[in-house]
């Protein structure tokens, strides 16, 4: 077929296509496929056809424009969280939560409420608290670009269902309890180590103003030197020791706590006893923890 004939047939074909779909080219909405003519003029189309000497279908040029990849996404625009509800009303049951910047897919019309799907949760969110449209598309692209792997599944975080939240909170509580138990065990072990170390010096002399565990120490000097062995620095006098660490009640005292009296201090051993530098007659020894009025119990570990 000659070149002029090819051009003539192509003009007839494209003219018919444009005549048949005048409104499709000019008008569209958010739910319909967006179809427009290419920005290149018809002369360029025909020139491409002529130079390549191949058949070019009109449909190749009357294709939908490239839609924003993430225009069907929404992002939570909140400070705390946004409920996903079973119905478009605040009285309905909540099914899950979107936390700040959590992502969702819009699966229903956008009005006062928007139906979305995020993670395992499908329901309604109040539209005032989500980012949608071009702003959502731009935000999604930025989040993907900021992800090291640039993989969508790693760029976006989705909603948490009510059941998932309950499971997470339970797991967190169990983990916190486990860590607390481990910490308590470690502290108890350290406290017992302090007591065991201090008891090595039972029978050694009491020396007023002294700090030597072997040559002699007074009550505060004894306590100061024992704790120094474990890397814990204490002030020199009982009056200053009254403010160290954390105060606890006597019925909560554990091995390694300090028990302070008026002008005296000892290390709680457990079982209602303290190890301490008693006086010049008795030296370093053991006394009942309640031998006199207790001013305060201080926990250092």
Protein backbone atom coordinates (compact mmCIF):
# COMPACT_ATOMS: atom_id res chain seq x y z
CA UNK A 1 0.00 0.00 0.00
CA UNK A 2 1.39 3.45 -0.90
CA UNK A 3 2.46 5.98 1.70
CA UNK A 4 -0.23 8.54 0.74
CA UNK A 5 -2.91 5.88 1.04
CA UNK A 6 -1.60 4.88 4.47
CA UNK A 7 -1.80 8.51 5.61
CA UNK A 8 -5.32 8.88 4.31
CA UNK A 9 -6.60 5.77 6.03
CA UNK A 10 -4.92 6.80 9.30
CA UNK A 11 -6.51 10.26 9.20
CA UNK A 12 -9.94 8.76 8.67
CA UNK A 13 -9.39 6.31 11.53
CA UNK A 14 -8.21 8.88 14.06
CA UNK A 15 -10.86 11.42 13.02
CA UNK A 16 -13.55 8.82 13.59
CA UNK A 17 -12.15 7.93 16.98
CA UNK A 18 -12.09 11.53 18.18
CA UNK A 19 -15.61 12.16 16.83
CA UNK A 20 -16.97 9.04 18.51
CA UNK A 21 -15.60 9.89 21.96
CA UNK A 22 -15.65 13.70 22.34
CA UNK A 23 -16.81 13.70 25.99
CA UNK A 24 -14.56 10.83 27.06
CA UNK A 25 -11.60 12.92 26.03
CA UNK A 26 -12.74 16.06 27.78
CA UNK A 27 -14.48 14.90 30.98
CA UNK A 28 -13.74 12.35 33.73
CA UNK A 29 -14.19 11.78 37.44
CA UNK A 30 -12.21 10.14 40.19
CA UNK A 31 -13.87 6.77 39.75
CA UNK A 32 -13.61 6.46 35.96
CA UNK A 33 -10.57 5.73 33.80
CA UNK A 34 -9.00 9.03 32.78
CA UNK A 35 -8.64 9.18 28.99
CA UNK A 36 -7.03 12.10 27.16
CA UNK A 37 -5.14 12.68 23.94
CA UNK A 38 -1.34 12.69 24.10
CA UNK A 39 0.36 16.04 24.41
CA UNK A 40 2.08 15.46 21.08
CA UNK A 41 0.19 16.94 18.08
CA UNK A 42 -1.39 14.81 15.36
CA UNK A 43 1.37 15.87 12.97
CA UNK A 44 3.92 14.15 15.18
CA UNK A 45 1.76 11.02 15.32
CA UNK A 46 1.52 10.86 11.54
CA UNK A 47 5.21 11.62 11.12
CA UNK A 48 6.07 8.71 13.43
CA UNK A 49 3.78 6.45 11.43
CA UNK A 50 5.24 7.50 8.08
CA UNK A 51 8.87 7.26 9.09
CA UNK A 52 8.54 3.89 10.79
CA UNK A 53 6.46 2.46 7.93
CA UNK A 54 4.42 0.42 10.41
CA UNK A 55 0.81 0.31 11.48
CA UNK A 56 0.04 2.36 14.59
CA UNK A 57 -3.30 1.78 16.24
CA UNK A 58 -5.22 4.84 17.42
CA UNK A 59 -5.75 3.05 20.76
CA UNK A 60 -1.99 3.37 21.33
CA UNK A 61 -2.51 7.12 21.67
CA UNK A 62 -5.96 7.17 23.26
CA UNK A 63 -4.83 5.49 26.50
CA UNK A 64 -5.56 6.56 30.08
CA UNK A 65 -3.04 8.95 31.55
CA UNK A 66 -0.66 7.46 34.10
CA UNK A 67 -2.60 7.61 37.33
CA UNK A 68 -0.77 8.41 40.57
CA UNK A 69 0.44 5.07 41.89
CA UNK A 70 -0.77 5.78 45.42
CA UNK A 71 -3.89 7.87 44.79
CA UNK A 72 -6.03 5.14 46.37
CA UNK A 73 -4.07 5.34 49.62
CA UNK A 74 -4.79 7.22 52.83
CA UNK A 75 -2.60 8.04 55.81
CA UNK A 76 -3.64 8.70 59.40
CA UNK A 77 -3.16 12.37 60.24
CA UNK A 78 -3.39 12.16 64.04
CA UNK A 79 -1.29 12.63 67.14
CA UNK A 80 -2.36 9.46 68.96
CA UNK A 81 -4.58 7.08 66.98
CA UNK A 82 -7.69 6.94 64.80
CA UNK A 83 -10.42 4.36 65.35
CA UNK A 84 -11.49 2.17 62.45
CA UNK A 85 -15.19 1.53 63.04
CA UNK A 86 -17.62 -1.11 61.80
CA UNK A 87 -20.08 1.52 60.58
CA UNK A 88 -19.74 5.20 59.60
CA UNK A 89 -20.74 6.46 63.03
CA UNK A 90 -18.93 7.11 66.31
CA UNK A 91 -21.46 4.90 68.10
CA UNK A 92 -20.40 1.78 66.19
CA UNK A 93 -17.88 -0.77 67.41
CA UNK A 94 -14.22 -0.05 66.80
CA UNK A 95 -12.37 -2.77 64.94
CA UNK A 96 -8.85 -1.42 64.92
CA UNK A 97 -6.63 1.63 65.20
CA UNK A 98 -4.56 3.66 62.78
CA UNK A 99 -1.58 5.22 64.50
CA UNK A 100 0.20 8.37 63.18
CA UNK A 101 1.19 7.95 59.50
CA UNK A 102 -0.29 4.44 59.30
CA UNK A 103 -1.31 3.58 55.75
CA UNK A 104 -4.62 2.32 54.37
CA UNK A 105 -6.28 1.63 51.02
CA UNK A 106 -9.46 3.53 50.16
CA UNK A 107 -12.14 1.03 49.12
CA UNK A 108 -15.22 3.24 49.30
CA UNK A 109 -16.37 6.76 48.45
CA UNK A 110 -14.86 9.63 50.40
CA UNK A 111 -17.36 11.68 52.35
CA UNK A 112 -17.68 12.53 56.02
CA UNK A 113 -16.54 8.95 56.54
CA UNK A 114 -14.26 6.89 54.31
CA UNK A 115 -14.23 3.12 54.00
CA UNK A 116 -10.70 1.78 54.13
CA UNK A 117 -8.76 -1.45 54.38
CA UNK A 118 -5.54 -1.52 56.39
CA UNK A 119 -3.72 -4.62 57.46
CA UNK A 120 -6.36 -7.11 58.57
CA UNK A 121 -8.93 -4.39 59.32
CA UNK A 122 -11.71 -3.17 57.02
CA UNK A 123 -14.01 -0.41 58.22
CA UNK A 124 -14.72 3.31 58.34
CA UNK A 125 -12.62 6.25 59.48
CA UNK A 126 -13.57 9.87 59.96
CA UNK A 127 -12.29 11.65 56.86
CA UNK A 128 -11.06 14.77 58.64
CA UNK A 129 -8.24 12.73 60.13
CA UNK A 130 -6.76 11.14 57.02
CA UNK A 131 -4.55 12.39 54.19
CA UNK A 132 -5.91 11.43 50.76
CA UNK A 133 -5.55 12.24 47.05
CA UNK A 134 -2.46 13.92 45.70
CA UNK A 135 -1.17 14.64 49.19
CA UNK A 136 -1.36 10.93 50.02
CA UNK A 137 0.31 10.03 46.74
CA UNK A 138 3.16 12.45 47.46
CA UNK A 139 3.51 11.23 51.05
CA UNK A 140 3.61 7.60 49.92
CA UNK A 141 6.33 8.32 47.37
CA UNK A 142 8.39 10.14 49.98
CA UNK A 143 8.03 7.25 52.43
CA UNK A 144 9.10 4.73 49.80
CA UNK A 145 12.08 6.86 48.80
CA UNK A 146 13.17 7.13 52.43
CA UNK A 147 13.11 3.36 52.92
CA UNK A 148 16.54 1.83 52.46
CA UNK A 149 15.26 -1.08 50.41
CA UNK A 150 12.64 1.11 48.67
CA UNK A 151 10.14 -1.73 49.00
CA UNK A 152 6.53 -0.74 49.63
CA UNK A 153 5.94 -3.49 52.18
CA UNK A 154 8.72 -2.02 54.29
CA UNK A 155 7.82 1.63 53.71
CA UNK A 156 4.27 1.49 55.06
CA UNK A 157 2.89 0.50 58.45
CA UNK A 158 -0.72 -0.59 58.60
CA UNK A 159 -3.49 -0.66 61.19
CA UNK A 160 -3.64 -2.82 64.26
CA UNK A 161 -6.84 -4.73 64.87
CA UNK A 162 -8.46 -4.89 68.29
CA UNK A 163 -7.34 -8.51 68.63
CA UNK A 164 -3.80 -7.68 67.52
CA UNK A 165 -3.65 -4.84 70.02
CA UNK A 166 -4.77 -7.12 72.84
CA UNK A 167 -2.17 -9.72 71.88
CA UNK A 168 0.54 -7.07 71.67
CA UNK A 169 -0.33 -5.57 75.05
CA UNK A 170 -0.33 -9.00 76.65
CA UNK A 171 3.04 -9.83 75.11
CA UNK A 172 4.45 -6.50 76.27
CA UNK A 173 3.15 -7.07 79.81
CA UNK A 174 4.67 -10.55 79.89
CA UNK A 175 7.98 -9.22 78.61
CA UNK A 176 7.97 -6.42 81.18
CA UNK A 177 7.24 -8.92 83.95
CA UNK A 178 10.04 -11.18 82.73
CA UNK A 179 12.53 -8.31 82.66
CA UNK A 180 11.40 -7.13 86.10
CA UNK A 181 11.87 -10.63 87.50
CA UNK A 182 15.33 -10.88 85.96
CA UNK A 183 16.26 -7.46 87.31
CA UNK A 184 14.96 -8.33 90.77
CA UNK A 185 16.91 -11.58 90.72
CA UNK A 186 20.08 -9.78 89.68
CA UNK A 187 19.61 -7.18 92.39
CA UNK A 188 18.94 -9.85 94.97
CA UNK A 189 22.08 -11.63 93.92
CA UNK A 190 24.09 -8.42 94.22
CA UNK A 191 22.50 -7.61 97.59
CA UNK A 192 23.35 -11.04 98.93
CA UNK A 193 26.89 -10.67 97.60
CA UNK A 194 27.23 -7.41 99.57
CA UNK A 195 26.00 -9.11 102.74
CA UNK A 196 28.32 -12.08 102.24
CA UNK A 197 31.27 -9.77 101.72
CA UNK A 198 30.45 -7.67 104.80
CA UNK A 199 30.10 -10.76 107.00
CA UNK A 200 33.71 -11.72 106.29
CA UNK A 201 34.76 -8.93 108.66
CA UNK A 202 32.63 -9.91 111.64
CA UNK A 203 34.79 -9.83 114.75
CA UNK A 204 37.14 -7.14 113.48
CA UNK A 205 37.53 -4.04 115.67
CA UNK A 206 35.40 -0.95 115.85
CA UNK A 207 37.47 2.24 115.52
CA UNK A 208 35.77 5.61 115.70
CA UNK A 209 36.48 7.52 112.48
CA UNK A 210 38.04 4.41 110.91
CA UNK A 211 37.29 3.00 107.44
CA UNK A 212 39.45 -0.14 107.40
CA UNK A 213 37.53 -3.38 107.23
CA UNK A 214 40.46 -5.22 108.82
CA UNK A 215 42.13 -2.66 111.08
CA UNK A 216 38.95 -1.05 112.31
CA UNK A 217 36.02 1.11 111.22
CA UNK A 218 33.07 2.90 112.72
CA UNK A 219 29.50 2.22 111.54
CA UNK A 220 29.47 4.57 108.56
CA UNK A 221 33.09 3.84 107.65
CA UNK A 222 32.28 0.12 107.62
CA UNK A 223 29.27 0.56 105.35
CA UNK A 224 31.13 2.98 103.08
CA UNK A 225 34.05 0.58 102.61
CA UNK A 226 31.84 -2.46 101.97
CA UNK A 227 29.88 -0.70 99.22
CA UNK A 228 33.05 0.79 97.73
CA UNK A 229 34.17 -2.79 97.06
CA UNK A 230 31.17 -3.07 94.68
CA UNK A 231 31.83 0.27 92.99
CA UNK A 232 29.12 2.15 94.90
CA UNK A 233 30.21 5.47 96.37
CA UNK A 234 28.62 6.60 99.62
CA UNK A 235 29.05 9.73 101.77
CA UNK A 236 31.04 9.46 104.96
CA UNK A 237 28.47 10.19 107.67
CA UNK A 238 25.22 8.57 108.68
CA UNK A 239 23.41 11.90 108.34
CA UNK A 240 24.37 12.12 104.66
CA UNK A 241 23.56 8.45 104.09
CA UNK A 242 19.97 9.14 105.13
CA UNK A 243 19.37 10.67 101.70
CA UNK A 244 21.11 8.21 99.37
CA UNK A 245 19.37 5.75 97.06
CA UNK A 246 15.63 5.13 97.13
CA UNK A 247 13.58 5.05 100.33
CA UNK A 248 11.60 1.86 101.02
CA UNK A 249 9.58 0.70 103.98
CA UNK A 250 11.11 -1.73 106.45
CA UNK A 251 8.67 -4.48 105.49
CA UNK A 252 10.02 -4.18 101.93
CA UNK A 253 13.68 -4.32 102.97
CA UNK A 254 15.89 -6.86 101.20
CA UNK A 255 19.47 -7.99 101.65
CA UNK A 256 21.88 -5.17 100.83
CA UNK A 257 19.59 -2.28 101.85
CA UNK A 258 20.88 0.30 104.32
CA UNK A 259 19.01 0.71 107.58
CA UNK A 260 19.64 4.00 109.34
CA UNK A 261 19.01 4.98 112.92
CA UNK A 262 19.74 8.10 114.94
CA UNK A 263 23.54 8.27 114.50
CA UNK A 264 23.97 4.69 113.31
CA UNK A 265 23.79 2.62 110.12
CA UNK A 266 23.91 -1.08 109.23
CA UNK A 267 23.51 -3.35 106.20
CA UNK A 268 20.32 -5.39 106.16
CA UNK A 269 21.02 -9.12 105.95
CA UNK A 270 17.44 -10.33 105.72
CA UNK A 271 15.58 -12.28 108.39
CA UNK A 272 15.36 -9.15 110.55
CA UNK A 273 19.11 -8.70 111.08
CA UNK A 274 21.85 -6.19 110.20
CA UNK A 275 25.61 -6.54 109.96
CA UNK A 276 27.31 -3.43 111.33
CA UNK A 277 30.18 -1.93 113.28
CA UNK A 278 28.47 -1.93 116.66
CA UNK A 279 30.80 -0.27 119.18
CA UNK A 280 34.31 -0.49 120.60
CA UNK A 281 33.31 -3.35 122.94
CA UNK A 282 31.63 -5.59 120.36
CA UNK A 283 33.36 -4.57 117.13
CA UNK A 284 31.82 -5.62 113.81
CA UNK A 285 28.88 -7.95 114.38
CA UNK A 286 25.20 -8.69 113.94
CA UNK A 287 22.21 -6.99 115.60
CA UNK A 288 18.43 -7.25 115.26
CA UNK A 289 17.34 -4.72 112.63
CA UNK A 290 14.72 -3.36 115.02
CA UNK A 291 17.01 -3.04 118.06
CA UNK A 292 16.02 0.65 118.13
CA UNK A 293 13.84 3.04 116.16
CA UNK A 294 14.49 3.00 112.40
CA UNK A 295 14.74 6.39 110.73
CA UNK A 296 14.81 5.22 107.11
CA UNK A 297 15.62 2.29 104.85
CA UNK A 298 17.56 3.12 101.67
CA UNK A 299 17.92 0.94 98.59
CA UNK A 300 21.08 1.39 96.53
CA UNK A 301 20.81 -1.50 94.06
